[in-house]
Amino acid sequence: MLPRPLSSAPNQVRQTLRIAGLLIFFVFATVLRGQPLSSPSPASVPNDEVLRAQLFLDGSNFKPGVIDGRWGEFMRKALIRYEAAEGENGEKFGEKPPEQFDLPFDQSRPLLTSYTFSPNDQEFIGHVPGSHAQQAKQQSLPYKDFLELLGEKFHAKGDFLRRLNPGYDWSKAKPGDEVKVPNVAKPFDLQEAIDLQKQTEAAEKSNSLQTEDKKPGNERHAIFVSVQEKILELKQSDKLVGSYPITPGSKALPAPIGEWFVKGFSWMPTFRWDEAMLHHGKRGGDFYELPPGPNNPVGIIWMELSHKGSGLHGTDAPETIGRTTSHGCIRLSNWDALDLGTKVLPGVHVTIH
C-alpha cells in the first residue's frame, strides 16, 4: 500500500509535524546565532578546582560561604580579600572562575573525606515545631535530621551532600552510617558552642571575663561591616586579617550605620520572638521566648551591640546568608559565627557603613 499524502493525514498528525518543524527551526536558528541551548554556566557546575579553592579559603580566615564546588559571589569576594591581605595586586575576578587559582594548595589533601554518624550526633537531633508558640514550649531547638546536622558541620548545602552520596537514603540515616563529606579544615562542632557558654557564664560570675581592650595593642581586633558588599571584615592594627559573608538589616529595619562596640556575648542564647520589635523596632506584648539550639533564629551566639536591639549573630538558615534580609542585625552562618566569636572578645569595636 502506498503511503497516504500529507494533505490527507489526520489533523493531529499534521499538528505534531508542524510543531516538530518549528522546534527544528528554533534549534537551527539558535545554533547559527552561536547561543547555547540553556546549558548550565561554568560557574553553576560543581568543579574540583573550585572546590579545592573553597576548602582552602574556608580553612583560612577568608570565608567563601557554603561549600558546594561552585564559583559565586562570596567565593569571589573572599579570594579578592585573601589576595589583598597577602599583598597581591588585588586582581578583580569576574562572573567566571579563573582558569587557575594561584593559592598555596596542599595537593596531597583529598577534597572529600568520610564521616560516620555517632550517638553524640543523634543527641543533637529532634523535633522542631513549625510555630513559634510550639517552639517556645521546647527545651531546645535541635537539628531536624542528620542531613541538616551534617550540612552545618561541613559547611555545605544539603543538595551537595546528596550529590556526594548518590543512593544513600537520608530519611533512614542512623549512627554507624558512613557518608562522604567535603574535607573542611575545621568541621563545625555544636558542643564547642555549648562549652563556650559554660566558660563565659563562669567567667562572668567570677568577674574574670576577658575583654578586647586587655589584649596587647597589636593583637586587638576591630570589625568593619559593609552593608552594600554584605561582608564583615576583621582587622588588626588596620591590617585585613579575615572576612565573612553576612546578611545585613532590611530596608524597614536597616543595620545601624555608625560606630559601636560589642557589649557582651551570649552563647547558645534564648531569643525573644517579638513581631513588634522585629518589624517596628519596639517591644510588644505578644512574644515568645524561643529556647537555644542550632535552629534558634539567632543561631549559636548573640553578640550584643551598643546600639539598642542590634547584634551580630548566627542563623538557623545558613543557605540564606547574603540572599535575604535581617531585622536590623548582622547575621552569619553558625560556623562562621563560631569562628568569629573565638577570635574577638567583648568590647571589640564595630564599624557599620
C-alpha atoms as a PDB file:
ATOM      1  CA  MET A   1       0.000   0.000   0.000  1.00  0.00           C
ATOM      2  CA  LEU A   2       1.321   3.420  -0.926  1.00  0.00           C
ATOM      3  CA  PRO A   3       1.640   5.975   1.901  1.00  0.00           C
ATOM      4  CA  ARG A   4      -1.150   8.486   2.195  1.00  0.00           C
ATOM      5  CA  PRO A   5      -0.295  12.023   1.075  1.00  0.00           C
ATOM      6  CA  LEU A   6       0.410  14.561   3.887  1.00  0.00           C
ATOM      7  CA  SER A   7      -2.704  16.539   2.972  1.00  0.00           C
ATOM      8  CA  SER A   8      -4.909  13.581   3.880  1.00  0.00           C
ATOM      9  CA  ALA A   9      -3.211  12.838   7.253  1.00  0.00           C
ATOM     10  CA  PRO A  10      -5.308  13.325  10.346  1.00  0.00           C
ATOM     11  CA  ASN A  11      -5.271  16.827  11.864  1.00  0.00           C
ATOM     12  CA  GLN A  12      -3.421  15.609  14.987  1.00  0.00           C
ATOM     13  CA  VAL A  13      -0.547  14.200  12.907  1.00  0.00           C
ATOM     14  CA  ARG A  14      -0.284  17.390  10.870  1.00  0.00           C
ATOM     15  CA  GLN A  15      -0.196  19.500  14.044  1.00  0.00           C
ATOM     16  CA  THR A  16       2.542  17.311  15.539  1.00  0.00           C
ATOM     17  CA  LEU A  17       4.670  17.604  12.396  1.00  0.00           C
ATOM     18  CA  ARG A  18       4.167  21.353  12.321  1.00  0.00           C
ATOM     19  CA  ILE A  19       5.367  21.729  15.950  1.00  0.00           C
ATOM     20  CA  ALA A  20       8.344  19.468  15.269  1.00  0.00           C
ATOM     21  CA  GLY A  21       9.279  21.604  12.301  1.00  0.00           C
ATOM     22  CA  LEU A  22       9.138  24.769  14.385  1.00  0.00           C
ATOM     23  CA  LEU A  23      11.349  23.187  17.054  1.00  0.00           C
ATOM     24  CA  ILE A  24      13.926  22.140  14.447  1.00  0.00           C
ATOM     25  CA  PHE A  25      13.913  25.641  13.035  1.00  0.00           C
ATOM     26  CA  PHE A  26      14.397  27.154  16.518  1.00  0.00           C
ATOM     27  CA  VAL A  27      17.337  24.873  17.300  1.00  0.00           C
ATOM     28  CA  PHE A  28      18.948  25.567  13.925  1.00  0.00           C
ATOM     29  CA  ALA A  29      18.480  29.331  14.290  1.00  0.00           C
ATOM     30  CA  THR A  30      19.870  29.320  17.827  1.00  0.00           C
ATOM     31  CA  VAL A  31      22.976  27.422  16.773  1.00  0.00           C
ATOM     32  CA  LEU A  32      23.541  29.830  13.889  1.00  0.00           C
ATOM     33  CA  ARG A  33      23.401  32.742  16.345  1.00  0.00           C
ATOM     34  CA  GLY A  34      26.002  30.994  18.494  1.00  0.00           C
ATOM     35  CA  GLN A  35      23.747  30.916  21.585  1.00  0.00           C
ATOM     36  CA  PRO A  36      23.870  27.882  23.894  1.00  0.00           C
ATOM     37  CA  LEU A  37      20.679  25.915  24.426  1.00  0.00           C
ATOM     38  CA  SER A  38      20.013  26.556  28.158  1.00  0.00           C
ATOM     39  CA  SER A  39      23.115  24.640  29.213  1.00  0.00           C
ATOM     40  CA  PRO A  40      24.353  25.442  32.724  1.00  0.00           C
ATOM     41  CA  SER A  41      27.007  28.129  33.030  1.00  0.00           C
ATOM     42  CA  PRO A  42      30.511  27.059  34.063  1.00  0.00           C
ATOM     43  CA  ALA A  43      30.043  28.874  37.383  1.00  0.00           C
ATOM     44  CA  SER A  44      26.965  26.776  38.265  1.00  0.00           C
ATOM     45  CA  VAL A  45      28.558  23.356  37.703  1.00  0.00           C
ATOM     46  CA  PRO A  46      30.470  21.767  40.616  1.00  0.00           C
ATOM     47  CA  ASN A  47      34.161  21.832  39.813  1.00  0.00           C
ATOM     48  CA  ASP A  48      37.075  20.112  41.591  1.00  0.00           C
ATOM     49  CA  GLU A  49      39.419  23.094  41.332  1.00  0.00           C
ATOM     50  CA  VAL A  50      36.749  25.477  42.582  1.00  0.00           C
ATOM     51  CA  LEU A  51      36.037  23.060  45.430  1.00  0.00           C
ATOM     52  CA  ARG A  52      39.746  22.893  46.293  1.00  0.00           C
ATOM     53  CA  ALA A  53      39.900  26.707  46.380  1.00  0.00           C
ATOM     54  CA  GLN A  54      36.739  26.885  48.508  1.00  0.00           C
ATOM     55  CA  LEU A  55      38.176  24.444  51.027  1.00  0.00           C
ATOM     56  CA  PHE A  56      41.434  26.404  51.151  1.00  0.00           C
ATOM     57  CA  LEU A  57      39.651  29.724  51.752  1.00  0.00           C
ATOM     58  CA  ASP A  58      37.296  28.149  54.272  1.00  0.00           C
ATOM     59  CA  GLY A  59      40.340  26.890  56.175  1.00  0.00           C
ATOM     60  CA  SER A  60      41.904  30.355  56.072  1.00  0.00           C
ATOM     61  CA  ASN A  61      40.438  33.446  57.691  1.00  0.00           C
ATOM     62  CA  PHE A  62      38.688  34.458  54.469  1.00  0.00           C
ATOM     63  CA  LYS A  63      35.389  32.600  54.354  1.00  0.00           C
ATOM     64  CA  PRO A  64      33.746  31.783  50.981  1.00  0.00           C
ATOM     65  CA  GLY A  65      30.249  30.894  52.219  1.00  0.00           C
ATOM     66  CA  VAL A  66      28.762  27.438  51.744  1.00  0.00           C
ATOM     67  CA  ILE A  67      30.932  24.692  50.275  1.00  0.00           C
ATOM     68  CA  ASP A  68      29.414  23.468  47.003  1.00  0.00           C
ATOM     69  CA  GLY A  69      32.155  23.400  44.346  1.00  0.00           C
ATOM     70  CA  ARG A  70      30.600  26.372  42.538  1.00  0.00           C
ATOM     71  CA  TRP A  71      32.057  29.765  41.773  1.00  0.00           C
ATOM     72  CA  GLY A  72      29.921  32.507  43.276  1.00  0.00           C
ATOM     73  CA  GLU A  73      29.712  35.982  44.759  1.00  0.00           C
ATOM     74  CA  PHE A  74      31.137  35.254  48.195  1.00  0.00           C
ATOM     75  CA  MET A  75      33.909  32.996  46.985  1.00  0.00           C
ATOM     76  CA  ARG A  76      34.966  35.781  44.609  1.00  0.00           C
ATOM     77  CA  LYS A  77      34.917  38.350  47.428  1.00  0.00           C
ATOM     78  CA  ALA A  78      36.841  36.035  49.762  1.00  0.00           C
ATOM     79  CA  LEU A  79      39.520  35.421  47.110  1.00  0.00           C
ATOM     80  CA  ILE A  80      39.935  39.155  46.431  1.00  0.00           C
ATOM     81  CA  ARG A  81      40.383  39.856  50.146  1.00  0.00           C
ATOM     82  CA  TYR A  82      42.727  36.928  50.682  1.00  0.00           C
ATOM     83  CA  GLU A  83      44.992  38.159  47.896  1.00  0.00           C
ATOM     84  CA  ALA A  84      44.854  41.740  49.201  1.00  0.00           C
ATOM     85  CA  ALA A  85      45.864  40.526  52.683  1.00  0.00           C
ATOM     86  CA  GLU A  86      48.767  38.627  51.095  1.00  0.00           C
ATOM     87  CA  GLY A  87      49.984  41.778  49.370  1.00  0.00           C
ATOM     88  CA  GLU A  88      48.853  40.783  45.894  1.00  0.00           C
ATOM     89  CA  ASN A  89      47.770  43.348  43.320  1.00  0.00           C
ATOM     90  CA  GLY A  90      44.065  42.853  44.095  1.00  0.00           C
ATOM     91  CA  GLU A  91      43.054  41.145  40.845  1.00  0.00           C
ATOM     92  CA  LYS A  92      39.378  41.653  40.044  1.00  0.00           C
ATOM     93  CA  PHE A  93      37.628  38.374  39.365  1.00  0.00           C
ATOM     94  CA  GLY A  94      34.524  38.184  37.215  1.00  0.00           C
ATOM     95  CA  GLU A  95      31.445  36.018  36.865  1.00  0.00           C
ATOM     96  CA  LYS A  96      33.522  33.005  35.832  1.00  0.00           C
ATOM     97  CA  PRO A  97      36.200  31.311  37.934  1.00  0.00           C
ATOM     98  CA  PRO A  98      39.837  31.919  36.944  1.00  0.00           C
ATOM     99  CA  GLU A  99      41.414  29.226  34.796  1.00  0.00           C
ATOM    100  CA  GLN A 100      43.939  28.602  37.557  1.00  0.00           C
ATOM    101  CA  PHE A 101      43.917  29.521  41.253  1.00  0.00           C
ATOM    102  CA  ASP A 102      47.186  30.995  42.489  1.00  0.00           C
ATOM    103  CA  LEU A 103      46.817  29.579  46.005  1.00  0.00           C
ATOM    104  CA  PRO A 104      49.257  27.512  48.099  1.00  0.00           C
ATOM    105  CA  PHE A 105      47.235  24.312  47.853  1.00  0.00           C
ATOM    106  CA  ASP A 106      48.242  21.103  49.569  1.00  0.00           C
ATOM    107  CA  GLN A 107      47.665  18.864  46.560  1.00  0.00           C
ATOM    108  CA  SER A 108      48.015  15.759  48.721  1.00  0.00           C
ATOM    109  CA  ARG A 109      44.981  16.736  50.791  1.00  0.00           C
ATOM    110  CA  PRO A 110      41.861  14.952  49.445  1.00  0.00           C
ATOM    111  CA  LEU A 111      38.828  17.022  48.530  1.00  0.00           C
ATOM    112  CA  LEU A 112      36.450  14.605  50.238  1.00  0.00           C
ATOM    113  CA  THR A 113      36.604  12.532  53.379  1.00  0.00           C
ATOM    114  CA  SER A 114      34.366  10.014  55.144  1.00  0.00           C
ATOM    115  CA  TYR A 115      32.275  10.735  58.204  1.00  0.00           C
ATOM    116  CA  THR A 116      30.498   8.216  60.416  1.00  0.00           C
ATOM    117  CA  PHE A 117      27.396   9.333  62.277  1.00  0.00           C
ATOM    118  CA  SER A 118      27.804   8.902  66.034  1.00  0.00           C
ATOM    119  CA  PRO A 119      25.433   8.525  69.006  1.00  0.00           C
ATOM    120  CA  ASN A 120      26.515  12.051  70.014  1.00  0.00           C
ATOM    121  CA  ASP A 121      25.150  13.327  66.696  1.00  0.00           C
ATOM    122  CA  GLN A 122      21.850  11.646  67.464  1.00  0.00           C
ATOM    123  CA  GLU A 123      21.575  13.635  70.699  1.00  0.00           C
ATOM    124  CA  PHE A 124      21.530  16.902  68.740  1.00  0.00           C
ATOM    125  CA  ILE A 125      18.624  15.799  66.512  1.00  0.00           C
ATOM    126  CA  GLY A 126      14.964  16.166  67.402  1.00  0.00           C
ATOM    127  CA  HIS A 127      11.597  17.628  66.536  1.00  0.00           C
ATOM    128  CA  VAL A 128      11.319  21.309  65.609  1.00  0.00           C
ATOM    129  CA  PRO A 129       7.683  22.516  65.506  1.00  0.00           C
ATOM    130  CA  GLY A 130       6.616  24.899  62.780  1.00  0.00           C
ATOM    131  CA  SER A 131       5.014  27.556  65.005  1.00  0.00           C
ATOM    132  CA  HIS A 132       6.815  29.835  67.442  1.00  0.00           C
ATOM    133  CA  ALA A 133       4.167  29.096  70.070  1.00  0.00           C
ATOM    134  CA  GLN A 134       5.039  25.394  69.948  1.00  0.00           C
ATOM    135  CA  GLN A 135       8.789  26.054  69.704  1.00  0.00           C
ATOM    136  CA  ALA A 136       8.629  28.113  72.913  1.00  0.00           C
ATOM    137  CA  LYS A 137       7.373  25.036  74.805  1.00  0.00           C
ATOM    138  CA  GLN A 138      10.501  23.010  73.953  1.00  0.00           C
ATOM    139  CA  GLN A 139      13.731  22.684  75.910  1.00  0.00           C
ATOM    140  CA  SER A 140      15.810  23.269  72.773  1.00  0.00           C
ATOM    141  CA  LEU A 141      15.621  23.798  69.010  1.00  0.00           C
ATOM    142  CA  PRO A 142      17.870  20.989  67.700  1.00  0.00           C
ATOM    143  CA  TYR A 143      18.731  19.855  64.187  1.00  0.00           C
ATOM    144  CA  LYS A 144      15.761  18.387  62.347  1.00  0.00           C
ATOM    145  CA  ASP A 145      17.700  15.465  60.874  1.00  0.00           C
ATOM    146  CA  PHE A 146      21.156  14.087  60.095  1.00  0.00           C
ATOM    147  CA  LEU A 147      21.319  15.915  56.753  1.00  0.00           C
ATOM    148  CA  GLU A 148      20.861  19.305  58.424  1.00  0.00           C
ATOM    149  CA  LEU A 149      23.436  18.433  61.093  1.00  0.00           C
ATOM    150  CA  LEU A 150      25.961  17.295  58.501  1.00  0.00           C
ATOM    151  CA  GLY A 151      25.399  20.356  56.313  1.00  0.00           C
ATOM    152  CA  GLU A 152      26.283  22.664  59.193  1.00  0.00           C
ATOM    153  CA  LYS A 153      29.166  20.521  60.435  1.00  0.00           C
ATOM    154  CA  PHE A 154      30.832  20.530  56.995  1.00  0.00           C
ATOM    155  CA  HIS A 155      29.658  23.983  55.847  1.00  0.00           C
ATOM    156  CA  ALA A 156      27.727  22.537  52.897  1.00  0.00           C
ATOM    157  CA  LYS A 157      24.310  22.612  51.278  1.00  0.00           C
ATOM    158  CA  GLY A 158      22.057  19.587  51.528  1.00  0.00           C
ATOM    159  CA  ASP A 159      21.857  19.132  47.758  1.00  0.00           C
ATOM    160  CA  PHE A 160      25.662  18.998  47.537  1.00  0.00           C
ATOM    161  CA  LEU A 161      25.796  16.293  50.220  1.00  0.00           C
ATOM    162  CA  ARG A 162      23.140  14.331  48.337  1.00  0.00           C
ATOM    163  CA  ARG A 163      25.223  14.599  45.173  1.00  0.00           C
ATOM    164  CA  LEU A 164      28.271  13.276  47.036  1.00  0.00           C
ATOM    165  CA  ASN A 165      26.274  10.293  48.305  1.00  0.00           C
ATOM    166  CA  PRO A 166      24.104   9.013  45.436  1.00  0.00           C
ATOM    167  CA  GLY A 167      21.757   6.261  46.502  1.00  0.00           C
ATOM    168  CA  TYR A 168      22.031   6.983  50.227  1.00  0.00           C
ATOM    169  CA  ASP A 169      18.606   7.242  51.913  1.00  0.00           C
ATOM    170  CA  TRP A 170      18.907  10.265  54.204  1.00  0.00           C
ATOM    171  CA  SER A 171      15.485   9.595  55.730  1.00  0.00           C
ATOM    172  CA  LYS A 172      16.940   6.408  57.244  1.00  0.00           C
ATOM    173  CA  ALA A 173      20.259   7.890  58.418  1.00  0.00           C
ATOM    174  CA  LYS A 174      21.454   6.489  61.765  1.00  0.00           C
ATOM    175  CA  PRO A 175      24.559   6.232  63.951  1.00  0.00           C
ATOM    176  CA  GLY A 176      27.148   3.984  62.341  1.00  0.00           C
ATOM    177  CA  ASP A 177      26.367   5.053  58.772  1.00  0.00           C
ATOM    178  CA  GLU A 178      29.343   6.357  56.784  1.00  0.00           C
ATOM    179  CA  VAL A 179      28.965   9.128  54.219  1.00  0.00           C
ATOM    180  CA  LYS A 180      31.172  11.324  52.027  1.00  0.00           C
ATOM    181  CA  VAL A 181      31.646  14.984  53.011  1.00  0.00           C
ATOM    182  CA  PRO A 182      33.799  17.966  51.967  1.00  0.00           C
ATOM    183  CA  ASN A 183      37.184  17.785  53.681  1.00  0.00           C
ATOM    184  CA  VAL A 184      36.920  21.086  55.585  1.00  0.00           C
ATOM    185  CA  ALA A 185      39.817  22.086  57.812  1.00  0.00           C
ATOM    186  CA  LYS A 186      37.634  22.578  60.898  1.00  0.00           C
ATOM    187  CA  PRO A 187      34.161  20.994  60.983  1.00  0.00           C
ATOM    188  CA  PHE A 188      31.589  22.924  62.991  1.00  0.00           C
ATOM    189  CA  ASP A 189      31.110  21.454  66.467  1.00  0.00           C
ATOM    190  CA  LEU A 190      27.928  22.405  68.320  1.00  0.00           C
ATOM    191  CA  GLN A 191      29.441  21.081  71.546  1.00  0.00           C
ATOM    192  CA  GLU A 192      32.139  23.767  71.308  1.00  0.00           C
ATOM    193  CA  ALA A 193      29.479  26.495  71.457  1.00  0.00           C
ATOM    194  CA  ILE A 194      27.853  24.752  74.455  1.00  0.00           C
ATOM    195  CA  ASP A 195      31.227  24.598  76.232  1.00  0.00           C
ATOM    196  CA  LEU A 196      31.876  28.279  75.490  1.00  0.00           C
ATOM    197  CA  GLN A 197      28.507  29.121  77.047  1.00  0.00           C
ATOM    198  CA  LYS A 198      29.564  27.443  80.305  1.00  0.00           C
ATOM    199  CA  GLN A 199      33.003  29.068  80.263  1.00  0.00           C
ATOM    200  CA  THR A 200      31.571  32.544  79.627  1.00  0.00           C
ATOM    201  CA  GLU A 201      28.963  32.219  82.373  1.00  0.00           C
ATOM    202  CA  ALA A 202      31.645  31.044  84.844  1.00  0.00           C
ATOM    203  CA  ALA A 203      33.931  33.964  83.900  1.00  0.00           C
ATOM    204  CA  GLU A 204      31.086  36.444  84.365  1.00  0.00           C
ATOM    205  CA  LYS A 205      30.287  35.050  87.816  1.00  0.00           C
ATOM    206  CA  SER A 206      33.925  35.248  88.900  1.00  0.00           C
ATOM    207  CA  ASN A 207      34.367  38.696  87.325  1.00  0.00           C
ATOM    208  CA  SER A 208      37.237  37.343  85.222  1.00  0.00           C
ATOM    209  CA  LEU A 209      35.768  37.863  81.759  1.00  0.00           C
ATOM    210  CA  GLN A 210      38.437  38.906  79.249  1.00  0.00           C
ATOM    211  CA  THR A 211      37.806  41.919  77.010  1.00  0.00           C
ATOM    212  CA  GLU A 212      39.306  43.147  73.745  1.00  0.00           C
ATOM    213  CA  ASP A 213      40.997  46.167  75.308  1.00  0.00           C
ATOM    214  CA  LYS A 214      43.051  43.910  77.587  1.00  0.00           C
ATOM    215  CA  LYS A 215      44.854  42.372  74.601  1.00  0.00           C
ATOM    216  CA  PRO A 216      48.251  43.739  73.509  1.00  0.00           C
ATOM    217  CA  GLY A 217      47.726  46.618  71.089  1.00  0.00           C
ATOM    218  CA  ASN A 218      48.928  44.729  68.018  1.00  0.00           C
ATOM    219  CA  GLU A 219      46.584  41.806  68.779  1.00  0.00           C
ATOM    220  CA  ARG A 220      43.369  43.784  69.196  1.00  0.00           C
ATOM    221  CA  HIS A 221      40.708  43.195  66.575  1.00  0.00           C
ATOM    222  CA  ALA A 222      38.244  45.593  65.019  1.00  0.00           C
ATOM    223  CA  ILE A 223      35.177  44.690  62.945  1.00  0.00           C
ATOM    224  CA  PHE A 224      34.118  46.532  59.786  1.00  0.00           C
ATOM    225  CA  VAL A 225      30.766  45.691  58.180  1.00  0.00           C
ATOM    226  CA  SER A 226      29.901  46.747  54.635  1.00  0.00           C
ATOM    227  CA  VAL A 227      26.136  46.695  54.202  1.00  0.00           C
ATOM    228  CA  GLN A 228      26.435  47.082  50.434  1.00  0.00           C
ATOM    229  CA  GLU A 229      29.077  44.362  49.997  1.00  0.00           C
ATOM    230  CA  LYS A 230      27.423  42.085  52.582  1.00  0.00           C
ATOM    231  CA  ILE A 231      30.849  41.373  54.010  1.00  0.00           C
ATOM    232  CA  LEU A 232      32.252  41.600  57.543  1.00  0.00           C
ATOM    233  CA  GLU A 233      35.978  42.353  57.594  1.00  0.00           C
ATOM    234  CA  LEU A 234      38.217  41.662  60.560  1.00  0.00           C
ATOM    235  CA  LYS A 235      41.288  43.848  61.086  1.00  0.00           C
ATOM    236  CA  GLN A 236      44.272  44.066  63.433  1.00  0.00           C
ATOM    237  CA  SER A 237      46.152  47.373  63.537  1.00  0.00           C
ATOM    238  CA  ASP A 238      44.330  48.358  60.320  1.00  0.00           C
ATOM    239  CA  LYS A 239      45.594  45.192  58.594  1.00  0.00           C
ATOM    240  CA  LEU A 240      42.948  42.973  57.000  1.00  0.00           C
ATOM    241  CA  VAL A 241      43.135  39.535  58.640  1.00  0.00           C
ATOM    242  CA  GLY A 242      39.779  37.958  57.775  1.00  0.00           C
ATOM    243  CA  SER A 243      36.373  38.284  56.132  1.00  0.00           C
ATOM    244  CA  TYR A 244      32.946  36.657  56.432  1.00  0.00           C
ATOM    245  CA  PRO A 245      29.757  36.719  54.308  1.00  0.00           C
ATOM    246  CA  ILE A 246      26.854  38.326  56.179  1.00  0.00           C
ATOM    247  CA  THR A 247      23.228  39.291  55.830  1.00  0.00           C
ATOM    248  CA  PRO A 248      22.637  42.918  56.887  1.00  0.00           C
ATOM    249  CA  GLY A 249      19.382  44.533  58.006  1.00  0.00           C
ATOM    250  CA  SER A 250      16.361  45.148  55.820  1.00  0.00           C
ATOM    251  CA  LYS A 251      15.076  48.399  54.330  1.00  0.00           C
ATOM    252  CA  ALA A 252      12.424  48.570  57.054  1.00  0.00           C
ATOM    253  CA  LEU A 253      14.936  47.878  59.835  1.00  0.00           C
ATOM    254  CA  PRO A 254      18.404  48.593  58.419  1.00  0.00           C
ATOM    255  CA  ALA A 255      21.642  47.689  60.129  1.00  0.00           C
ATOM    256  CA  PRO A 256      22.666  50.640  62.322  1.00  0.00           C
ATOM    257  CA  ILE A 257      25.220  52.710  60.419  1.00  0.00           C
ATOM    258  CA  GLY A 258      27.905  54.101  62.697  1.00  0.00           C
ATOM    259  CA  GLU A 259      30.500  53.267  65.334  1.00  0.00           C
ATOM    260  CA  TRP A 260      29.592  50.723  68.013  1.00  0.00           C
ATOM    261  CA  PHE A 261      31.107  48.076  70.259  1.00  0.00           C
ATOM    262  CA  VAL A 262      30.094  44.589  71.376  1.00  0.00           C
ATOM    263  CA  LYS A 263      28.737  44.783  74.929  1.00  0.00           C
ATOM    264  CA  GLY A 264      28.828  41.049  75.541  1.00  0.00           C
ATOM    265  CA  PHE A 265      28.475  37.525  74.163  1.00  0.00           C
ATOM    266  CA  SER A 266      25.621  35.135  74.772  1.00  0.00           C
ATOM    267  CA  TRP A 267      26.490  31.624  73.577  1.00  0.00           C
ATOM    268  CA  MET A 268      23.549  29.270  72.899  1.00  0.00           C
ATOM    269  CA  PRO A 269      21.084  32.090  73.569  1.00  0.00           C
ATOM    270  CA  THR A 270      17.346  32.095  74.007  1.00  0.00           C
ATOM    271  CA  PHE A 271      15.602  34.523  71.660  1.00  0.00           C
ATOM    272  CA  ARG A 272      12.600  36.755  72.263  1.00  0.00           C
ATOM    273  CA  TRP A 273      10.450  36.425  69.151  1.00  0.00           C
ATOM    274  CA  ASP A 274       8.561  39.714  69.198  1.00  0.00           C
ATOM    275  CA  GLU A 275       6.800  40.719  65.980  1.00  0.00           C
ATOM    276  CA  ALA A 276       6.578  44.366  67.053  1.00  0.00           C
ATOM    277  CA  MET A 277      10.320  44.524  67.752  1.00  0.00           C
ATOM    278  CA  LEU A 278      11.260  42.645  64.582  1.00  0.00           C
ATOM    279  CA  HIS A 279       9.137  44.772  62.271  1.00  0.00           C
ATOM    280  CA  HIS A 280       8.873  48.124  64.047  1.00  0.00           C
ATOM    281  CA  GLY A 281      11.827  48.253  66.443  1.00  0.00           C
ATOM    282  CA  LYS A 282       9.657  48.485  69.569  1.00  0.00           C
ATOM    283  CA  ARG A 283       8.803  45.795  72.092  1.00  0.00           C
ATOM    284  CA  GLY A 284       5.277  44.442  72.041  1.00  0.00           C
ATOM    285  CA  GLY A 285       3.188  42.405  74.451  1.00  0.00           C
ATOM    286  CA  ASP A 286       2.819  39.383  72.167  1.00  0.00           C
ATOM    287  CA  PHE A 287       6.109  37.453  72.147  1.00  0.00           C
ATOM    288  CA  TYR A 288       7.681  34.014  72.580  1.00  0.00           C
ATOM    289  CA  GLU A 289      10.890  33.037  74.344  1.00  0.00           C
ATOM    290  CA  LEU A 290      12.494  30.571  71.949  1.00  0.00           C
ATOM    291  CA  PRO A 291      14.938  28.074  73.514  1.00  0.00           C
ATOM    292  CA  PRO A 292      18.589  27.637  72.467  1.00  0.00           C
ATOM    293  CA  GLY A 293      19.803  25.347  69.710  1.00  0.00           C
ATOM    294  CA  PRO A 294      21.114  25.435  66.139  1.00  0.00           C
ATOM    295  CA  ASN A 295      17.576  26.166  64.895  1.00  0.00           C
ATOM    296  CA  ASN A 296      17.172  29.195  67.141  1.00  0.00           C
ATOM    297  CA  PRO A 297      16.636  32.256  64.884  1.00  0.00           C
ATOM    298  CA  VAL A 298      19.890  33.840  66.129  1.00  0.00           C
ATOM    299  CA  GLY A 299      21.800  30.563  65.992  1.00  0.00           C
ATOM    300  CA  ILE A 300      24.538  29.679  68.442  1.00  0.00           C
ATOM    301  CA  ILE A 301      25.680  33.175  69.513  1.00  0.00           C
ATOM    302  CA  TRP A 302      24.329  36.673  70.112  1.00  0.00           C
ATOM    303  CA  MET A 303      26.931  39.474  70.196  1.00  0.00           C
ATOM    304  CA  GLU A 304      25.050  42.417  71.630  1.00  0.00           C
ATOM    305  CA  LEU A 305      25.915  45.784  70.113  1.00  0.00           C
ATOM    306  CA  SER A 306      25.907  49.078  71.977  1.00  0.00           C
ATOM    307  CA  HIS A 307      23.100  50.093  69.599  1.00  0.00           C
ATOM    308  CA  LYS A 308      19.869  49.070  71.356  1.00  0.00           C
ATOM    309  CA  GLY A 309      18.276  45.919  69.949  1.00  0.00           C
ATOM    310  CA  SER A 310      21.064  45.200  67.458  1.00  0.00           C
ATOM    311  CA  GLY A 311      23.692  42.497  67.354  1.00  0.00           C
ATOM    312  CA  LEU A 312      25.864  40.131  65.375  1.00  0.00           C
ATOM    313  CA  HIS A 313      24.554  36.577  65.478  1.00  0.00           C
ATOM    314  CA  GLY A 314      24.256  33.141  63.892  1.00  0.00           C
ATOM    315  CA  THR A 315      21.302  31.744  61.971  1.00  0.00           C
ATOM    316  CA  ASP A 316      19.014  28.774  61.547  1.00  0.00           C
ATOM    317  CA  ALA A 317      19.175  29.114  57.741  1.00  0.00           C
ATOM    318  CA  PRO A 318      22.834  29.328  56.583  1.00  0.00           C
ATOM    319  CA  GLU A 319      21.917  28.928  52.903  1.00  0.00           C
ATOM    320  CA  THR A 320      20.204  32.350  53.016  1.00  0.00           C
ATOM    321  CA  ILE A 321      23.286  34.309  54.112  1.00  0.00           C
ATOM    322  CA  GLY A 322      23.669  37.253  51.769  1.00  0.00           C
ATOM    323  CA  ARG A 323      20.463  36.324  49.914  1.00  0.00           C
ATOM    324  CA  THR A 324      17.759  37.696  52.235  1.00  0.00           C
ATOM    325  CA  THR A 325      17.478  40.499  54.768  1.00  0.00           C
ATOM    326  CA  SER A 326      17.684  40.532  58.546  1.00  0.00           C
ATOM    327  CA  HIS A 327      15.851  42.563  61.166  1.00  0.00           C
ATOM    328  CA  GLY A 328      18.396  45.325  61.736  1.00  0.00           C
ATOM    329  CA  CYS A 329      21.167  42.914  62.736  1.00  0.00           C
ATOM    330  CA  ILE A 330      24.251  41.309  61.178  1.00  0.00           C
ATOM    331  CA  ARG A 331      23.691  37.594  60.522  1.00  0.00           C
ATOM    332  CA  LEU A 332      26.387  34.953  59.850  1.00  0.00           C
ATOM    333  CA  SER A 333      26.292  31.193  59.359  1.00  0.00           C
ATOM    334  CA  ASN A 334      26.721  29.356  62.652  1.00  0.00           C
ATOM    335  CA  TRP A 335      30.134  28.009  61.623  1.00  0.00           C
ATOM    336  CA  ASP A 336      31.385  31.497  60.738  1.00  0.00           C
ATOM    337  CA  ALA A 337      29.806  32.986  63.876  1.00  0.00           C
ATOM    338  CA  LEU A 338      31.664  30.404  65.987  1.00  0.00           C
ATOM    339  CA  ASP A 339      34.934  31.204  64.206  1.00  0.00           C
ATOM    340  CA  LEU A 340      34.467  34.965  64.678  1.00  0.00           C
ATOM    341  CA  GLY A 341      33.337  34.546  68.290  1.00  0.00           C
ATOM    342  CA  THR A 342      36.539  32.703  69.187  1.00  0.00           C
ATOM    343  CA  LYS A 343      38.731  35.426  67.659  1.00  0.00           C
ATOM    344  CA  VAL A 344      37.231  38.561  69.199  1.00  0.00           C
ATOM    345  CA  LEU A 345      36.233  39.478  72.756  1.00  0.00           C
ATOM    346  CA  PRO A 346      33.551  41.689  74.310  1.00  0.00           C
ATOM    347  CA  GLY A 347      34.390  45.329  73.805  1.00  0.00           C
ATOM    348  CA  VAL A 348      35.552  44.842  70.220  1.00  0.00           C
ATOM    349  CA  HIS A 349      34.913  47.951  68.109  1.00  0.00           C
ATOM    350  CA  VAL A 350      32.371  47.590  65.280  1.00  0.00           C
ATOM    351  CA  THR A 351      32.064  49.981  62.345  1.00  0.00           C
ATOM    352  CA  ILE A 352      28.974  49.558  60.131  1.00  0.00           C
ATOM    353  CA  HIS A 353      28.999  51.503  56.877  1.00  0.00           C
END
